[in-house]
Structures are given as C-alpha cells and as structure tokens.
Amino acid sequence: MAKILQPSGLADRLRGQLVELQRRRPEIAEVRGRGLMIGVELCDGANNPNAAITDAVLERMKGAGFFLGKTGPGRNVLTVMPPLIVTSEDLDSMVEGLNQALRSVS
C-alpha cells in the first residue's frame, strides 16, 4: 500500500532524491523550484546548457510513461509538475526513470 505523505513531505522527498541524483550525475547542473514544481537543469561537462541531452531525456521519459516539460533560456531545464494525486512510489519511480534516461544518453 502506498505511504501517504502530505504535499510538503512529498516535495521534500522529491527534492532530496533529485539532489542526490545530481551528486551522481554530472549532467545535472542544478535542482531548483518550490514544492512539487521543480526544475532540473541539464548541462554538458563544462556546465553549458545542453538542449540535445534534454530532448533525449524527455523522449526516454515519455517512452517510460513520465511526462515532463522543458523550459529555460537554453531549453535545457526539465520541469517536474506531478498531479496532486501523486504518491511517493510514483516519485521514486520517476527519479529512477530519470537516472536511467541520463545513463542512456551520456
């Protein structure tokens, strides 16, 4: 059974998981946002915006059933805006899917 967390608990959990992923994945330059609306900025190894990686990650995430947006002046920021009915398991699965997508494009 899914563990029920308050929205702030879900946001803290998601942010924590994405920051941890950032430590392991050099493509993630920054994790920012408020609540469950989070931006994940993707860059190349020299910290330059990388729209090509962002597009490839978006396609892989879409193929896995996760719909993220893309924004930013360099078109390299993934936008995470899950529905209000999201569960902690859904978020865990999305972060793992993002990790796999980043692995496959780098």
PDB file of N, CA and C in Angstrom:
ATOM      1  N   MET A   1       0.839  -1.173   0.000  1.00  0.00           N
ATOM      2  CA  MET A   1       0.000   0.000   0.000  1.00  0.00           C
ATOM      3  C   MET A   1       0.884   1.235   0.000  1.00  0.00           C
ATOM      4  N   ALA A   2       0.491   2.238  -0.749  1.00  0.00           N
ATOM      5  CA  ALA A   2       1.263   3.473  -0.861  1.00  0.00           C
ATOM      6  C   ALA A   2       1.248   4.217   0.466  1.00  0.00           C
ATOM      7  N   LYS A   3       2.413   4.708   0.856  1.00  0.00           N
ATOM      8  CA  LYS A   3       2.516   5.513   2.064  1.00  0.00           C
ATOM      9  C   LYS A   3       1.983   6.906   1.736  1.00  0.00           C
ATOM     10  N   ILE A   4       1.104   7.408   2.591  1.00  0.00           N
ATOM     11  CA  ILE A   4       0.505   8.721   2.341  1.00  0.00           C
ATOM     12  C   ILE A   4       1.360   9.780   3.024  1.00  0.00           C
ATOM     13  N   LEU A   5       1.854  10.712   2.235  1.00  0.00           N
ATOM     14  CA  LEU A   5       2.630  11.838   2.749  1.00  0.00           C
ATOM     15  C   LEU A   5       1.887  13.128   2.431  1.00  0.00           C
ATOM     16  N   GLN A   6       2.036  14.102   3.273  1.00  0.00           N
ATOM     17  CA  GLN A   6       1.488  15.428   2.986  1.00  0.00           C
ATOM     18  C   GLN A   6       2.262  16.016   1.813  1.00  0.00           C
ATOM     19  N   PRO A   7       1.665  16.951   1.079  1.00  0.00           N
ATOM     20  CA  PRO A   7       2.367  17.535  -0.073  1.00  0.00           C
ATOM     21  C   PRO A   7       3.763  18.043   0.252  1.00  0.00           C
ATOM     22  N   SER A   8       3.947  18.673   1.419  1.00  0.00           N
ATOM     23  CA  SER A   8       5.283  19.168   1.753  1.00  0.00           C
ATOM     24  C   SER A   8       6.251  18.012   1.966  1.00  0.00           C
ATOM     25  N   GLY A   9       5.771  16.895   2.503  1.00  0.00           N
ATOM     26  CA  GLY A   9       6.616  15.720   2.669  1.00  0.00           C
ATOM     27  C   GLY A   9       7.016  15.125   1.332  1.00  0.00           C
ATOM     28  N   LEU A  10       6.077  15.107   0.395  1.00  0.00           N
ATOM     29  CA  LEU A  10       6.385  14.618  -0.947  1.00  0.00           C
ATOM     30  C   LEU A  10       7.397  15.521  -1.625  1.00  0.00           C
ATOM     31  N   ALA A  11       7.221  16.832  -1.467  1.00  0.00           N
ATOM     32  CA  ALA A  11       8.148  17.791  -2.087  1.00  0.00           C
ATOM     33  C   ALA A  11       9.551  17.631  -1.519  1.00  0.00           C
ATOM     34  N   ASP A  12       9.639  17.500  -0.205  1.00  0.00           N
ATOM     35  CA  ASP A  12      10.950  17.311   0.425  1.00  0.00           C
ATOM     36  C   ASP A  12      11.596  16.018  -0.048  1.00  0.00           C
ATOM     37  N   ARG A  13      10.793  14.970  -0.144  1.00  0.00           N
ATOM     38  CA  ARG A  13      11.305  13.675  -0.610  1.00  0.00           C
ATOM     39  C   ARG A  13      11.818  13.782  -2.043  1.00  0.00           C
ATOM     40  N   LEU A  14      11.015  14.391  -2.935  1.00  0.00           N
ATOM     41  CA  LEU A  14      11.414  14.514  -4.332  1.00  0.00           C
ATOM     42  C   LEU A  14      12.672  15.354  -4.465  1.00  0.00           C
ATOM     43  N   ARG A  15      12.711  16.509  -3.809  1.00  0.00           N
ATOM     44  CA  ARG A  15      13.889  17.369  -3.882  1.00  0.00           C
ATOM     45  C   ARG A  15      15.129  16.623  -3.374  1.00  0.00           C
ATOM     46  N   GLY A  16      14.998  15.925  -2.264  1.00  0.00           N
ATOM     47  CA  GLY A  16      16.126  15.172  -1.720  1.00  0.00           C
ATOM     48  C   GLY A  16      16.642  14.125  -2.698  1.00  0.00           C
ATOM     49  N   GLN A  17      15.723  13.414  -3.337  1.00  0.00           N
ATOM     50  CA  GLN A  17      16.129  12.394  -4.300  1.00  0.00           C
ATOM     51  C   GLN A  17      16.809  13.013  -5.516  1.00  0.00           C
ATOM     52  N   LEU A  18      16.288  14.142  -5.984  1.00  0.00           N
ATOM     53  CA  LEU A  18      16.894  14.793  -7.150  1.00  0.00           C
ATOM     54  C   LEU A  18      18.256  15.392  -6.818  1.00  0.00           C
ATOM     55  N   VAL A  19      18.416  15.937  -5.626  1.00  0.00           N
ATOM     56  CA  VAL A  19      19.728  16.463  -5.218  1.00  0.00           C
ATOM     57  C   VAL A  19      20.731  15.316  -5.100  1.00  0.00           C
ATOM     58  N   GLU A  20      20.291  14.192  -4.573  1.00  0.00           N
ATOM     59  CA  GLU A  20      21.177  13.028  -4.503  1.00  0.00           C
ATOM     60  C   GLU A  20      21.552  12.551  -5.908  1.00  0.00           C
ATOM     61  N   LEU A  21      20.595  12.536  -6.815  1.00  0.00           N
ATOM     62  CA  LEU A  21      20.884  12.162  -8.200  1.00  0.00           C
ATOM     63  C   LEU A  21      21.867  13.159  -8.819  1.00  0.00           C
ATOM     64  N   GLN A  22      21.721  14.428  -8.507  1.00  0.00           N
ATOM     65  CA  GLN A  22      22.633  15.463  -9.002  1.00  0.00           C
ATOM     66  C   GLN A  22      24.075  15.174  -8.573  1.00  0.00           C
ATOM     67  N   ARG A  23      24.255  14.667  -7.373  1.00  0.00           N
ATOM     68  CA  ARG A  23      25.604  14.336  -6.890  1.00  0.00           C
ATOM     69  C   ARG A  23      26.245  13.223  -7.718  1.00  0.00           C
ATOM     70  N   ARG A  24      25.406  12.342  -8.266  1.00  0.00           N
ATOM     71  CA  ARG A  24      25.920  11.196  -9.022  1.00  0.00           C
ATOM     72  C   ARG A  24      25.971  11.424 -10.525  1.00  0.00           C
ATOM     73  N   ARG A  25      25.197  12.388 -11.025  1.00  0.00           N
ATOM     74  CA  ARG A  25      25.090  12.595 -12.473  1.00  0.00           C
ATOM     75  C   ARG A  25      25.640  13.974 -12.843  1.00  0.00           C
ATOM     76  N   PRO A  26      26.763  14.034 -13.541  1.00  0.00           N
ATOM     77  CA  PRO A  26      27.356  15.331 -13.893  1.00  0.00           C
ATOM     78  C   PRO A  26      26.501  16.155 -14.855  1.00  0.00           C
ATOM     79  N   GLU A  27      25.526  15.536 -15.518  1.00  0.00           N
ATOM     80  CA  GLU A  27      24.664  16.273 -16.439  1.00  0.00           C
ATOM     81  C   GLU A  27      23.692  17.210 -15.710  1.00  0.00           C
ATOM     82  N   ILE A  28      23.453  16.954 -14.432  1.00  0.00           N
ATOM     83  CA  ILE A  28      22.527  17.794 -13.667  1.00  0.00           C
ATOM     84  C   ILE A  28      23.312  18.935 -13.040  1.00  0.00           C
ATOM     85  N   ALA A  29      23.070  20.156 -13.548  1.00  0.00           N
ATOM     86  CA  ALA A  29      23.768  21.331 -13.041  1.00  0.00           C
ATOM     87  C   ALA A  29      23.076  21.908 -11.810  1.00  0.00           C
ATOM     88  N   GLU A  30      21.742  21.848 -11.787  1.00  0.00           N
ATOM     89  CA  GLU A  30      21.015  22.467 -10.677  1.00  0.00           C
ATOM     90  C   GLU A  30      19.634  21.852 -10.536  1.00  0.00           C
ATOM     91  N   VAL A  31      19.188  21.765  -9.290  1.00  0.00           N
ATOM     92  CA  VAL A  31      17.822  21.372  -8.963  1.00  0.00           C
ATOM     93  C   VAL A  31      17.215  22.567  -8.243  1.00  0.00           C
ATOM     94  N   ARG A  32      16.095  23.079  -8.773  1.00  0.00           N
ATOM     95  CA  ARG A  32      15.502  24.276  -8.170  1.00  0.00           C
ATOM     96  C   ARG A  32      13.986  24.220  -8.286  1.00  0.00           C
ATOM     97  N   GLY A  33      13.339  25.062  -7.509  1.00  0.00           N
ATOM     98  CA  GLY A  33      11.889  25.143  -7.563  1.00  0.00           C
ATOM     99  C   GLY A  33      11.288  25.238  -6.190  1.00  0.00           C
ATOM    100  N   ARG A  34       9.978  25.112  -6.160  1.00  0.00           N
ATOM    101  CA  ARG A  34       9.249  25.224  -4.909  1.00  0.00           C
ATOM    102  C   ARG A  34       8.159  24.164  -4.887  1.00  0.00           C
ATOM    103  N   GLY A  35       8.040  23.505  -3.769  1.00  0.00           N
ATOM    104  CA  GLY A  35       7.032  22.453  -3.657  1.00  0.00           C
ATOM    105  C   GLY A  35       7.318  21.334  -4.640  1.00  0.00           C
ATOM    106  N   LEU A  36       6.277  20.854  -5.286  1.00  0.00           N
ATOM    107  CA  LEU A  36       6.439  19.785  -6.270  1.00  0.00           C
ATOM    108  C   LEU A  36       6.735  20.312  -7.668  1.00  0.00           C
ATOM    109  N   MET A  37       6.801  21.627  -7.835  1.00  0.00           N
ATOM    110  CA  MET A  37       7.171  22.207  -9.127  1.00  0.00           C
ATOM    111  C   MET A  37       8.684  22.424  -9.115  1.00  0.00           C
ATOM    112  N   ILE A  38       9.397  21.514  -9.743  1.00  0.00           N
ATOM    113  CA  ILE A  38      10.854  21.502  -9.667  1.00  0.00           C
ATOM    114  C   ILE A  38      11.455  21.544 -11.066  1.00  0.00           C
ATOM    115  N   GLY A  39      12.526  22.294 -11.202  1.00  0.00           N
ATOM    116  CA  GLY A  39      13.290  22.341 -12.434  1.00  0.00           C
ATOM    117  C   GLY A  39      14.612  21.620 -12.254  1.00  0.00           C
ATOM    118  N   VAL A  40      14.987  20.830 -13.238  1.00  0.00           N
ATOM    119  CA  VAL A  40      16.260  20.108 -13.228  1.00  0.00           C
ATOM    120  C   VAL A  40      17.038  20.581 -14.450  1.00  0.00           C
ATOM    121  N   GLU A  41      18.074  21.392 -14.204  1.00  0.00           N
ATOM    122  CA  GLU A  41      18.850  21.957 -15.307  1.00  0.00           C
ATOM    123  C   GLU A  41      19.904  20.964 -15.772  1.00  0.00           C
ATOM    124  N   LEU A  42      19.899  20.676 -17.080  1.00  0.00           N
ATOM    125  CA  LEU A  42      20.852  19.739 -17.659  1.00  0.00           C
ATOM    126  C   LEU A  42      21.900  20.503 -18.460  1.00  0.00           C
ATOM    127  N   CYS A  43      23.145  20.124 -18.272  1.00  0.00           N
ATOM    128  CA  CYS A  43      24.269  20.785 -18.944  1.00  0.00           C
ATOM    129  C   CYS A  43      25.272  19.737 -19.415  1.00  0.00           C
ATOM    130  N   ASP A  44      26.227  20.205 -20.222  1.00  0.00           N
ATOM    131  CA  ASP A  44      27.322  19.323 -20.611  1.00  0.00           C
ATOM    132  C   ASP A  44      28.374  19.336 -19.498  1.00  0.00           C
ATOM    133  N   GLY A  45      29.466  18.675 -19.699  1.00  0.00           N
ATOM    134  CA  GLY A  45      30.514  18.591 -18.684  1.00  0.00           C
ATOM    135  C   GLY A  45      31.142  19.921 -18.328  1.00  0.00           C
ATOM    136  N   ALA A  46      31.047  20.907 -19.213  1.00  0.00           N
ATOM    137  CA  ALA A  46      31.622  22.234 -18.961  1.00  0.00           C
ATOM    138  C   ALA A  46      30.573  23.197 -18.411  1.00  0.00           C
ATOM    139  N   ASN A  47      29.438  22.677 -17.948  1.00  0.00           N
ATOM    140  CA  ASN A  47      28.353  23.470 -17.361  1.00  0.00           C
ATOM    141  C   ASN A  47      27.671  24.406 -18.357  1.00  0.00           C
ATOM    142  N   ASN A  48      27.685  24.034 -19.632  1.00  0.00           N
ATOM    143  CA  ASN A  48      26.979  24.783 -20.670  1.00  0.00           C
ATOM    144  C   ASN A  48      25.610  24.140 -20.884  1.00  0.00           C
ATOM    145  N   PRO A  49      24.561  24.949 -21.100  1.00  0.00           N
ATOM    146  CA  PRO A  49      23.238  24.380 -21.354  1.00  0.00           C
ATOM    147  C   PRO A  49      23.285  23.365 -22.492  1.00  0.00           C
ATOM    148  N   ASN A  50      22.559  22.255 -22.328  1.00  0.00           N
ATOM    149  CA  ASN A  50      22.588  21.216 -23.347  1.00  0.00           C
ATOM    150  C   ASN A  50      21.165  20.788 -23.688  1.00  0.00           C
ATOM    151  N   ALA A  51      20.582  21.460 -24.675  1.00  0.00           N
ATOM    152  CA  ALA A  51      19.214  21.147 -25.098  1.00  0.00           C
ATOM    153  C   ALA A  51      19.111  19.770 -25.734  1.00  0.00           C
ATOM    154  N   ALA A  52      20.188  19.305 -26.372  1.00  0.00           N
ATOM    155  CA  ALA A  52      20.150  17.981 -27.025  1.00  0.00           C
ATOM    156  C   ALA A  52      19.972  16.873 -25.994  1.00  0.00           C
ATOM    157  N   ILE A  53      20.699  16.940 -24.895  1.00  0.00           N
ATOM    158  CA  ILE A  53      20.539  15.944 -23.826  1.00  0.00           C
ATOM    159  C   ILE A  53      19.131  16.044 -23.243  1.00  0.00           C
ATOM    160  N   THR A  54      18.666  17.261 -23.062  1.00  0.00           N
ATOM    161  CA  THR A  54      17.330  17.469 -22.510  1.00  0.00           C
ATOM    162  C   THR A  54      16.270  16.831 -23.404  1.00  0.00           C
ATOM    163  N   ASP A  55      16.370  17.044 -24.705  1.00  0.00           N
ATOM    164  CA  ASP A  55      15.416  16.439 -25.638  1.00  0.00           C
ATOM    165  C   ASP A  55      15.466  14.916 -25.585  1.00  0.00           C
ATOM    166  N   ALA A  56      16.670  14.362 -25.546  1.00  0.00           N
ATOM    167  CA  ALA A  56      16.814  12.901 -25.499  1.00  0.00           C
ATOM    168  C   ALA A  56      16.235  12.339 -24.207  1.00  0.00           C
ATOM    169  N   VAL A  57      16.487  13.007 -23.098  1.00  0.00           N
ATOM    170  CA  VAL A  57      15.946  12.559 -21.808  1.00  0.00           C
ATOM    171  C   VAL A  57      14.420  12.644 -21.825  1.00  0.00           C
ATOM    172  N   LEU A  58      13.882  13.730 -22.351  1.00  0.00           N
ATOM    173  CA  LEU A  58      12.423  13.873 -22.424  1.00  0.00           C
ATOM    174  C   LEU A  58      11.791  12.735 -23.220  1.00  0.00           C
ATOM    175  N   GLU A  59      12.386  12.383 -24.342  1.00  0.00           N
ATOM    176  CA  GLU A  59      11.841  11.296 -25.152  1.00  0.00           C
ATOM    177  C   GLU A  59      11.888   9.967 -24.407  1.00  0.00           C
ATOM    178  N   ARG A  60      12.974   9.703 -23.719  1.00  0.00           N
ATOM    179  CA  ARG A  60      13.069   8.449 -22.958  1.00  0.00           C
ATOM    180  C   ARG A  60      12.077   8.427 -21.794  1.00  0.00           C
ATOM    181  N   MET A  61      11.923   9.561 -21.129  1.00  0.00           N
ATOM    182  CA  MET A  61      10.967   9.632 -20.027  1.00  0.00           C
ATOM    183  C   MET A  61       9.537   9.458 -20.554  1.00  0.00           C
ATOM    184  N   LYS A  62       9.235  10.068 -21.683  1.00  0.00           N
ATOM    185  CA  LYS A  62       7.909   9.921 -22.282  1.00  0.00           C
ATOM    186  C   LYS A  62       7.654   8.458 -22.630  1.00  0.00           C
ATOM    187  N   GLY A  63       8.669   7.790 -23.179  1.00  0.00           N
ATOM    188  CA  GLY A  63       8.540   6.377 -23.504  1.00  0.00           C
ATOM    189  C   GLY A  63       8.300   5.506 -22.286  1.00  0.00           C
ATOM    190  N   ALA A  64       8.784   5.971 -21.132  1.00  0.00           N
ATOM    191  CA  ALA A  64       8.600   5.226 -19.886  1.00  0.00           C
ATOM    192  C   ALA A  64       7.309   5.634 -19.163  1.00  0.00           C
ATOM    193  N   GLY A  65       6.546   6.572 -19.753  1.00  0.00           N
ATOM    194  CA  GLY A  65       5.275   6.963 -19.162  1.00  0.00           C
ATOM    195  C   GLY A  65       5.333   8.174 -18.251  1.00  0.00           C
ATOM    196  N   PHE A  66       6.433   8.906 -18.274  1.00  0.00           N
ATOM    197  CA  PHE A  66       6.578  10.107 -17.446  1.00  0.00           C
ATOM    198  C   PHE A  66       6.580  11.331 -18.348  1.00  0.00           C
ATOM    199  N   PHE A  67       5.716  12.275 -18.041  1.00  0.00           N
ATOM    200  CA  PHE A  67       5.607  13.467 -18.870  1.00  0.00           C
ATOM    201  C   PHE A  67       6.190  14.659 -18.120  1.00  0.00           C
ATOM    202  N   LEU A  68       7.301  15.139 -18.616  1.00  0.00           N
ATOM    203  CA  LEU A  68       7.977  16.301 -18.047  1.00  0.00           C
ATOM    204  C   LEU A  68       7.947  17.404 -19.093  1.00  0.00           C
ATOM    205  N   GLY A  69       8.139  18.628 -18.626  1.00  0.00           N
ATOM    206  CA  GLY A  69       8.217  19.748 -19.548  1.00  0.00           C
ATOM    207  C   GLY A  69       9.658  20.148 -19.782  1.00  0.00           C
ATOM    208  N   LYS A  70       9.811  21.166 -20.637  1.00  0.00           N
ATOM    209  CA  LYS A  70      11.137  21.690 -20.945  1.00  0.00           C
ATOM    210  C   LYS A  70      11.024  23.204 -21.002  1.00  0.00           C
ATOM    211  N   THR A  71      11.934  23.898 -20.336  1.00  0.00           N
ATOM    212  CA  THR A  71      11.894  25.347 -20.285  1.00  0.00           C
ATOM    213  C   THR A  71      13.306  25.897 -20.142  1.00  0.00           C
ATOM    214  N   GLY A  72      13.397  27.177 -19.892  1.00  0.00           N
ATOM    215  CA  GLY A  72      14.685  27.839 -19.692  1.00  0.00           C
ATOM    216  C   GLY A  72      15.179  28.507 -20.954  1.00  0.00           C
ATOM    217  N   PRO A  73      16.006  29.539 -20.801  1.00  0.00           N
ATOM    218  CA  PRO A  73      16.517  30.249 -21.979  1.00  0.00           C
ATOM    219  C   PRO A  73      17.333  29.349 -22.904  1.00  0.00           C
ATOM    220  N   GLY A  74      18.008  28.356 -22.346  1.00  0.00           N
ATOM    221  CA  GLY A  74      18.768  27.405 -23.155  1.00  0.00           C
ATOM    222  C   GLY A  74      17.968  26.167 -23.504  1.00  0.00           C
ATOM    223  N   ARG A  75      16.664  26.148 -23.152  1.00  0.00           N
ATOM    224  CA  ARG A  75      15.773  24.999 -23.389  1.00  0.00           C
ATOM    225  C   ARG A  75      16.366  23.711 -22.819  1.00  0.00           C
ATOM    226  N   ASN A  76      17.000  23.842 -21.639  1.00  0.00           N
ATOM    227  CA  ASN A  76      17.694  22.704 -21.042  1.00  0.00           C
ATOM    228  C   ASN A  76      17.241  22.410 -19.613  1.00  0.00           C
ATOM    229  N   VAL A  77      16.063  22.895 -19.228  1.00  0.00           N
ATOM    230  CA  VAL A  77      15.568  22.652 -17.874  1.00  0.00           C
ATOM    231  C   VAL A  77      14.345  21.752 -17.950  1.00  0.00           C
ATOM    232  N   LEU A  78      14.468  20.571 -17.346  1.00  0.00           N
ATOM    233  CA  LEU A  78      13.320  19.673 -17.232  1.00  0.00           C
ATOM    234  C   LEU A  78      12.400  20.234 -16.159  1.00  0.00           C
ATOM    235  N   THR A  79      11.107  20.288 -16.434  1.00  0.00           N
ATOM    236  CA  THR A  79      10.161  20.750 -15.425  1.00  0.00           C
ATOM    237  C   THR A  79       9.319  19.583 -14.947  1.00  0.00           C
ATOM    238  N   VAL A  80       9.321  19.411 -13.639  1.00  0.00           N
ATOM    239  CA  VAL A  80       8.574  18.344 -12.989  1.00  0.00           C
ATOM    240  C   VAL A  80       7.364  18.992 -12.318  1.00  0.00           C
ATOM    241  N   MET A  81       6.173  18.611 -12.732  1.00  0.00           N
ATOM    242  CA  MET A  81       4.935  19.126 -12.139  1.00  0.00           C
ATOM    243  C   MET A  81       3.946  17.969 -12.028  1.00  0.00           C
ATOM    244  N   PRO A  82       4.132  17.110 -11.036  1.00  0.00           N
ATOM    245  CA  PRO A  82       3.260  15.941 -10.924  1.00  0.00           C
ATOM    246  C   PRO A  82       1.838  16.331 -10.515  1.00  0.00           C
ATOM    247  N   PRO A  83       0.879  15.454 -10.789  1.00  0.00           N
ATOM    248  CA  PRO A  83      -0.502  15.724 -10.378  1.00  0.00           C
ATOM    249  C   PRO A  83      -0.623  15.689  -8.857  1.00  0.00           C
ATOM    250  N   LEU A  84      -1.667  16.287  -8.354  1.00  0.00           N
ATOM    251  CA  LEU A  84      -1.868  16.338  -6.905  1.00  0.00           C
ATOM    252  C   LEU A  84      -2.099  14.965  -6.285  1.00  0.00           C
ATOM    253  N   ILE A  85      -2.433  13.977  -7.081  1.00  0.00           N
ATOM    254  CA  ILE A  85      -2.682  12.640  -6.548  1.00  0.00           C
ATOM    255  C   ILE A  85      -1.431  11.762  -6.584  1.00  0.00           C
ATOM    256  N   VAL A  86      -0.265  12.346  -6.831  1.00  0.00           N
ATOM    257  CA  VAL A  86       0.982  11.587  -6.931  1.00  0.00           C
ATOM    258  C   VAL A  86       1.304  10.923  -5.590  1.00  0.00           C
ATOM    259  N   THR A  87       1.889   9.743  -5.666  1.00  0.00           N
ATOM    260  CA  THR A  87       2.312   9.022  -4.459  1.00  0.00           C
ATOM    261  C   THR A  87       3.832   9.046  -4.355  1.00  0.00           C
ATOM    262  N   SER A  88       4.334   8.704  -3.197  1.00  0.00           N
ATOM    263  CA  SER A  88       5.784   8.637  -3.010  1.00  0.00           C
ATOM    264  C   SER A  88       6.387   7.589  -3.934  1.00  0.00           C
ATOM    265  N   GLU A  89       5.666   6.499  -4.178  1.00  0.00           N
ATOM    266  CA  GLU A  89       6.165   5.464  -5.085  1.00  0.00           C
ATOM    267  C   GLU A  89       6.252   5.988  -6.517  1.00  0.00           C
ATOM    268  N   ASP A  90       5.270   6.799  -6.913  1.00  0.00           N
ATOM    269  CA  ASP A  90       5.321   7.412  -8.244  1.00  0.00           C
ATOM    270  C   ASP A  90       6.576   8.274  -8.398  1.00  0.00           C
ATOM    271  N   LEU A  91       6.865   9.057  -7.376  1.00  0.00           N
ATOM    272  CA  LEU A  91       8.040   9.933  -7.423  1.00  0.00           C
ATOM    273  C   LEU A  91       9.337   9.127  -7.451  1.00  0.00           C
ATOM    274  N   ASP A  92       9.388   8.072  -6.635  1.00  0.00           N
ATOM    275  CA  ASP A  92      10.567   7.203  -6.640  1.00  0.00           C
ATOM    276  C   ASP A  92      10.801   6.630  -8.029  1.00  0.00           C
ATOM    277  N   SER A  93       9.729   6.185  -8.656  1.00  0.00           N
ATOM    278  CA  SER A  93       9.821   5.598  -9.984  1.00  0.00           C
ATOM    279  C   SER A  93      10.266   6.628 -11.014  1.00  0.00           C
ATOM    280  N   MET A  94       9.773   7.856 -10.907  1.00  0.00           N
ATOM    281  CA  MET A  94      10.165   8.914 -11.836  1.00  0.00           C
ATOM    282  C   MET A  94      11.644   9.240 -11.694  1.00  0.00           C
ATOM    283  N   VAL A  95      12.136   9.328 -10.469  1.00  0.00           N
ATOM    284  CA  VAL A  95      13.561   9.641 -10.262  1.00  0.00           C
ATOM    285  C   VAL A  95      14.434   8.510 -10.799  1.00  0.00           C
ATOM    286  N   GLU A  96      14.026   7.278 -10.591  1.00  0.00           N
ATOM    287  CA  GLU A  96      14.794   6.150 -11.137  1.00  0.00           C
ATOM    288  C   GLU A  96      14.745   6.170 -12.659  1.00  0.00           C
ATOM    289  N   GLY A  97      13.592   6.493 -13.228  1.00  0.00           N
ATOM    290  CA  GLY A  97      13.489   6.618 -14.686  1.00  0.00           C
ATOM    291  C   GLY A  97      14.393   7.716 -15.216  1.00  0.00           C
ATOM    292  N   LEU A  98      14.486   8.833 -14.500  1.00  0.00           N
ATOM    293  CA  LEU A  98      15.374   9.924 -14.901  1.00  0.00           C
ATOM    294  C   LEU A  98      16.829   9.479 -14.846  1.00  0.00           C
ATOM    295  N   ASN A  99      17.185   8.753 -13.809  1.00  0.00           N
ATOM    296  CA  ASN A  99      18.545   8.230 -13.699  1.00  0.00           C
ATOM    297  C   ASN A  99      18.875   7.325 -14.891  1.00  0.00           C
ATOM    298  N   GLN A 100      17.961   6.431 -15.227  1.00  0.00           N
ATOM    299  CA  GLN A 100      18.198   5.528 -16.364  1.00  0.00           C
ATOM    300  C   GLN A 100      18.265   6.292 -17.670  1.00  0.00           C
ATOM    301  N   ALA A 101      17.409   7.305 -17.837  1.00  0.00           N
ATOM    302  CA  ALA A 101      17.424   8.098 -19.070  1.00  0.00           C
ATOM    303  C   ALA A 101      18.750   8.849 -19.198  1.00  0.00           C
ATOM    304  N   LEU A 102      19.227   9.422 -18.110  1.00  0.00           N
ATOM    305  CA  LEU A 102      20.515  10.137 -18.149  1.00  0.00           C
ATOM    306  C   LEU A 102      21.652   9.169 -18.476  1.00  0.00           C
ATOM    307  N   ARG A 103      21.606   7.982 -17.893  1.00  0.00           N
ATOM    308  CA  ARG A 103      22.637   6.979 -18.191  1.00  0.00           C
ATOM    309  C   ARG A 103      22.642   6.611 -19.656  1.00  0.00           C
ATOM    310  N   SER A 104      21.468   6.514 -20.242  1.00  0.00           N
ATOM    311  CA  SER A 104      21.385   6.053 -21.623  1.00  0.00           C
ATOM    312  C   SER A 104      21.789   7.115 -22.640  1.00  0.00           C
ATOM    313  N   VAL A 105      21.724   8.389 -22.278  1.00  0.00           N
ATOM    314  CA  VAL A 105      22.068   9.443 -23.228  1.00  0.00           C
ATOM    315  C   VAL A 105      23.496   9.958 -23.063  1.00  0.00           C
ATOM    316  N   SER A 106      24.151   9.602 -21.969  1.00  0.00           N
ATOM    317  CA  SER A 106      25.519  10.144 -21.768  1.00  0.00           C
ATOM    318  C   SER A 106      26.579   9.184 -22.265  1.00  0.00           C
TER     319      SER A 106
END
